[in-house]
Amino acid sequence: MNSDDLRRELALSKFFNGDSSLNDAVQGLSQDEKKLCIESAFEQEATRLGIEVWELTLTLISESPEELKYLILEFHREVAEMVEMDWKEYCKLNGINE
């Protein structure tokens, strides 16, 4: 499992443990069905908040606003590298102020 998968699993766990109605909803489901239900609810929550799933993931796993800002910048750096775009150009294009 890579670091992105671990982050996602941690965020899903925090999300699930913080929502008693979701706990009730998945009672009696198989592990696979339970996982799908939790992932779907997680994605719906991101949509409800008007943010991307990766943003909700980072919000849930961060311990402070400073750490969240750092994680978001690291996410964007990885994207810039993947698309082979100059970091300053990427920041300008995406409205990122370092």
C-alpha atoms as a PDB file:
ATOM      1  CA  MET A   1       0.000   0.000   0.000  1.00  0.00           C
ATOM      2  CA  ASN A   2       1.462   3.393  -0.960  1.00  0.00           C
ATOM      3  CA  SER A   3       1.265   6.609   1.070  1.00  0.00           C
ATOM      4  CA  ASP A   4      -1.778   7.859  -0.864  1.00  0.00           C
ATOM      5  CA  ASP A   5      -3.644   4.651  -0.058  1.00  0.00           C
ATOM      6  CA  LEU A   6      -2.668   4.919   3.606  1.00  0.00           C
ATOM      7  CA  ARG A   7      -3.859   8.524   3.744  1.00  0.00           C
ATOM      8  CA  ARG A   8      -7.140   7.546   2.148  1.00  0.00           C
ATOM      9  CA  GLU A   9      -7.656   4.627   4.548  1.00  0.00           C
ATOM     10  CA  LEU A  10      -6.916   6.847   7.561  1.00  0.00           C
ATOM     11  CA  ALA A  11      -9.327   9.524   6.336  1.00  0.00           C
ATOM     12  CA  LEU A  12     -12.058   6.937   5.672  1.00  0.00           C
ATOM     13  CA  SER A  13     -11.553   5.503   9.137  1.00  0.00           C
ATOM     14  CA  LYS A  14     -11.817   8.937  10.790  1.00  0.00           C
ATOM     15  CA  PHE A  15     -14.863   9.755   8.677  1.00  0.00           C
ATOM     16  CA  PHE A  16     -16.586   6.465   9.509  1.00  0.00           C
ATOM     17  CA  ASN A  17     -15.797   6.641  13.229  1.00  0.00           C
ATOM     18  CA  GLY A  18     -17.154  10.171  13.431  1.00  0.00           C
ATOM     19  CA  ASP A  19     -20.544   9.372  11.885  1.00  0.00           C
ATOM     20  CA  SER A  20     -22.854   7.233  14.022  1.00  0.00           C
ATOM     21  CA  SER A  21     -25.614   7.193  11.384  1.00  0.00           C
ATOM     22  CA  LEU A  22     -23.146   5.712   8.901  1.00  0.00           C
ATOM     23  CA  ASN A  23     -22.164   3.113  11.503  1.00  0.00           C
ATOM     24  CA  ASP A  24     -25.821   2.148  11.817  1.00  0.00           C
ATOM     25  CA  ALA A  25     -26.315   2.084   8.035  1.00  0.00           C
ATOM     26  CA  VAL A  26     -23.575  -0.461   7.418  1.00  0.00           C
ATOM     27  CA  GLN A  27     -24.535  -2.894  10.160  1.00  0.00           C
ATOM     28  CA  GLY A  28     -24.903  -6.391   8.760  1.00  0.00           C
ATOM     29  CA  LEU A  29     -23.163  -5.658   5.457  1.00  0.00           C
ATOM     30  CA  SER A  30     -20.241  -7.701   4.172  1.00  0.00           C
ATOM     31  CA  GLN A  31     -16.784  -6.109   4.390  1.00  0.00           C
ATOM     32  CA  ASP A  32     -16.837  -5.294   0.669  1.00  0.00           C
ATOM     33  CA  GLU A  33     -20.325  -3.763   0.840  1.00  0.00           C
ATOM     34  CA  LYS A  34     -19.370  -1.835   3.974  1.00  0.00           C
ATOM     35  CA  LYS A  35     -16.265  -0.420   2.276  1.00  0.00           C
ATOM     36  CA  LEU A  36     -18.248   0.634  -0.811  1.00  0.00           C
ATOM     37  CA  CYS A  37     -20.897   2.287   1.351  1.00  0.00           C
ATOM     38  CA  ILE A  38     -18.313   4.220   3.382  1.00  0.00           C
ATOM     39  CA  GLU A  39     -16.443   5.322   0.241  1.00  0.00           C
ATOM     40  CA  SER A  40     -19.676   6.471  -1.355  1.00  0.00           C
ATOM     41  CA  ALA A  41     -20.679   8.442   1.746  1.00  0.00           C
ATOM     42  CA  PHE A  42     -17.183   9.977   1.846  1.00  0.00           C
ATOM     43  CA  GLU A  43     -17.461  11.105  -1.774  1.00  0.00           C
ATOM     44  CA  GLN A  44     -20.954  12.495  -1.129  1.00  0.00           C
ATOM     45  CA  GLU A  45     -19.614  14.451   1.854  1.00  0.00           C
ATOM     46  CA  ALA A  46     -16.885  15.990  -0.285  1.00  0.00           C
ATOM     47  CA  THR A  47     -19.503  16.971  -2.860  1.00  0.00           C
ATOM     48  CA  ARG A  48     -21.738  18.410  -0.145  1.00  0.00           C
ATOM     49  CA  LEU A  49     -18.821  20.503   1.115  1.00  0.00           C
ATOM     50  CA  GLY A  50     -17.978  21.641  -2.427  1.00  0.00           C
ATOM     51  CA  ILE A  51     -14.465  20.189  -2.320  1.00  0.00           C
ATOM     52  CA  GLU A  52     -12.598  17.387  -4.030  1.00  0.00           C
ATOM     53  CA  VAL A  53     -12.239  13.985  -2.372  1.00  0.00           C
ATOM     54  CA  TRP A  54      -8.477  14.486  -2.028  1.00  0.00           C
ATOM     55  CA  GLU A  55      -9.115  17.758  -0.167  1.00  0.00           C
ATOM     56  CA  LEU A  56     -11.454  16.049   2.291  1.00  0.00           C
ATOM     57  CA  THR A  57      -8.867  13.315   2.738  1.00  0.00           C
ATOM     58  CA  LEU A  58      -6.133  15.810   3.596  1.00  0.00           C
ATOM     59  CA  THR A  59      -8.473  17.801   5.845  1.00  0.00           C
ATOM     60  CA  LEU A  60      -9.299  14.715   7.883  1.00  0.00           C
ATOM     61  CA  ILE A  61      -5.731  13.479   8.273  1.00  0.00           C
ATOM     62  CA  SER A  62      -4.102  16.815   9.063  1.00  0.00           C
ATOM     63  CA  GLU A  63      -3.474  17.719  12.692  1.00  0.00           C
ATOM     64  CA  SER A  64      -3.391  21.500  12.231  1.00  0.00           C
ATOM     65  CA  PRO A  65      -4.157  24.217   9.678  1.00  0.00           C
ATOM     66  CA  GLU A  66      -0.419  24.525   9.018  1.00  0.00           C
ATOM     67  CA  GLU A  67      -0.115  20.819   8.296  1.00  0.00           C
ATOM     68  CA  LEU A  68      -3.152  20.976   6.002  1.00  0.00           C
ATOM     69  CA  LYS A  69      -1.584  23.832   4.049  1.00  0.00           C
ATOM     70  CA  TYR A  70       1.659  21.864   3.758  1.00  0.00           C
ATOM     71  CA  LEU A  71      -0.152  18.699   2.596  1.00  0.00           C
ATOM     72  CA  ILE A  72      -2.131  20.626  -0.012  1.00  0.00           C
ATOM     73  CA  LEU A  73       1.044  22.223  -1.393  1.00  0.00           C
ATOM     74  CA  GLU A  74       2.731  18.818  -1.516  1.00  0.00           C
ATOM     75  CA  PHE A  75      -0.270  17.401  -3.378  1.00  0.00           C
ATOM     76  CA  HIS A  76      -0.044  20.192  -5.943  1.00  0.00           C
ATOM     77  CA  ARG A  77       3.725  19.720  -6.299  1.00  0.00           C
ATOM     78  CA  GLU A  78       3.156  16.049  -7.100  1.00  0.00           C
ATOM     79  CA  VAL A  79       0.543  16.957  -9.702  1.00  0.00           C
ATOM     80  CA  ALA A  80       2.858  19.543 -11.272  1.00  0.00           C
ATOM     81  CA  GLU A  81       5.610  16.925 -11.478  1.00  0.00           C
ATOM     82  CA  MET A  82       3.260  14.336 -12.986  1.00  0.00           C
ATOM     83  CA  VAL A  83       2.191  16.709 -15.744  1.00  0.00           C
ATOM     84  CA  GLU A  84       5.772  17.957 -16.128  1.00  0.00           C
ATOM     85  CA  MET A  85       4.822  21.578 -15.553  1.00  0.00           C
ATOM     86  CA  ASP A  86       7.072  24.256 -14.122  1.00  0.00           C
ATOM     87  CA  TRP A  87       6.095  24.862 -10.476  1.00  0.00           C
ATOM     88  CA  LYS A  88       5.727  28.652 -10.835  1.00  0.00           C
ATOM     89  CA  GLU A  89       3.627  28.247 -13.961  1.00  0.00           C
ATOM     90  CA  TYR A  90       1.481  25.614 -12.214  1.00  0.00           C
ATOM     91  CA  CYS A  91       0.954  27.929  -9.214  1.00  0.00           C
ATOM     92  CA  LYS A  92      -0.060  30.809 -11.474  1.00  0.00           C
ATOM     93  CA  LEU A  93      -2.456  28.598 -13.433  1.00  0.00           C
ATOM     94  CA  ASN A  94      -4.065  27.226 -10.257  1.00  0.00           C
ATOM     95  CA  GLY A  95      -4.089  30.395  -8.161  1.00  0.00           C
ATOM     96  CA  ILE A  96      -1.665  29.029  -5.573  1.00  0.00           C
ATOM     97  CA  ASN A  97       0.230  31.476  -3.384  1.00  0.00           C
ATOM     98  CA  GLU A  98       3.147  29.884  -1.590  1.00  0.00           C
END
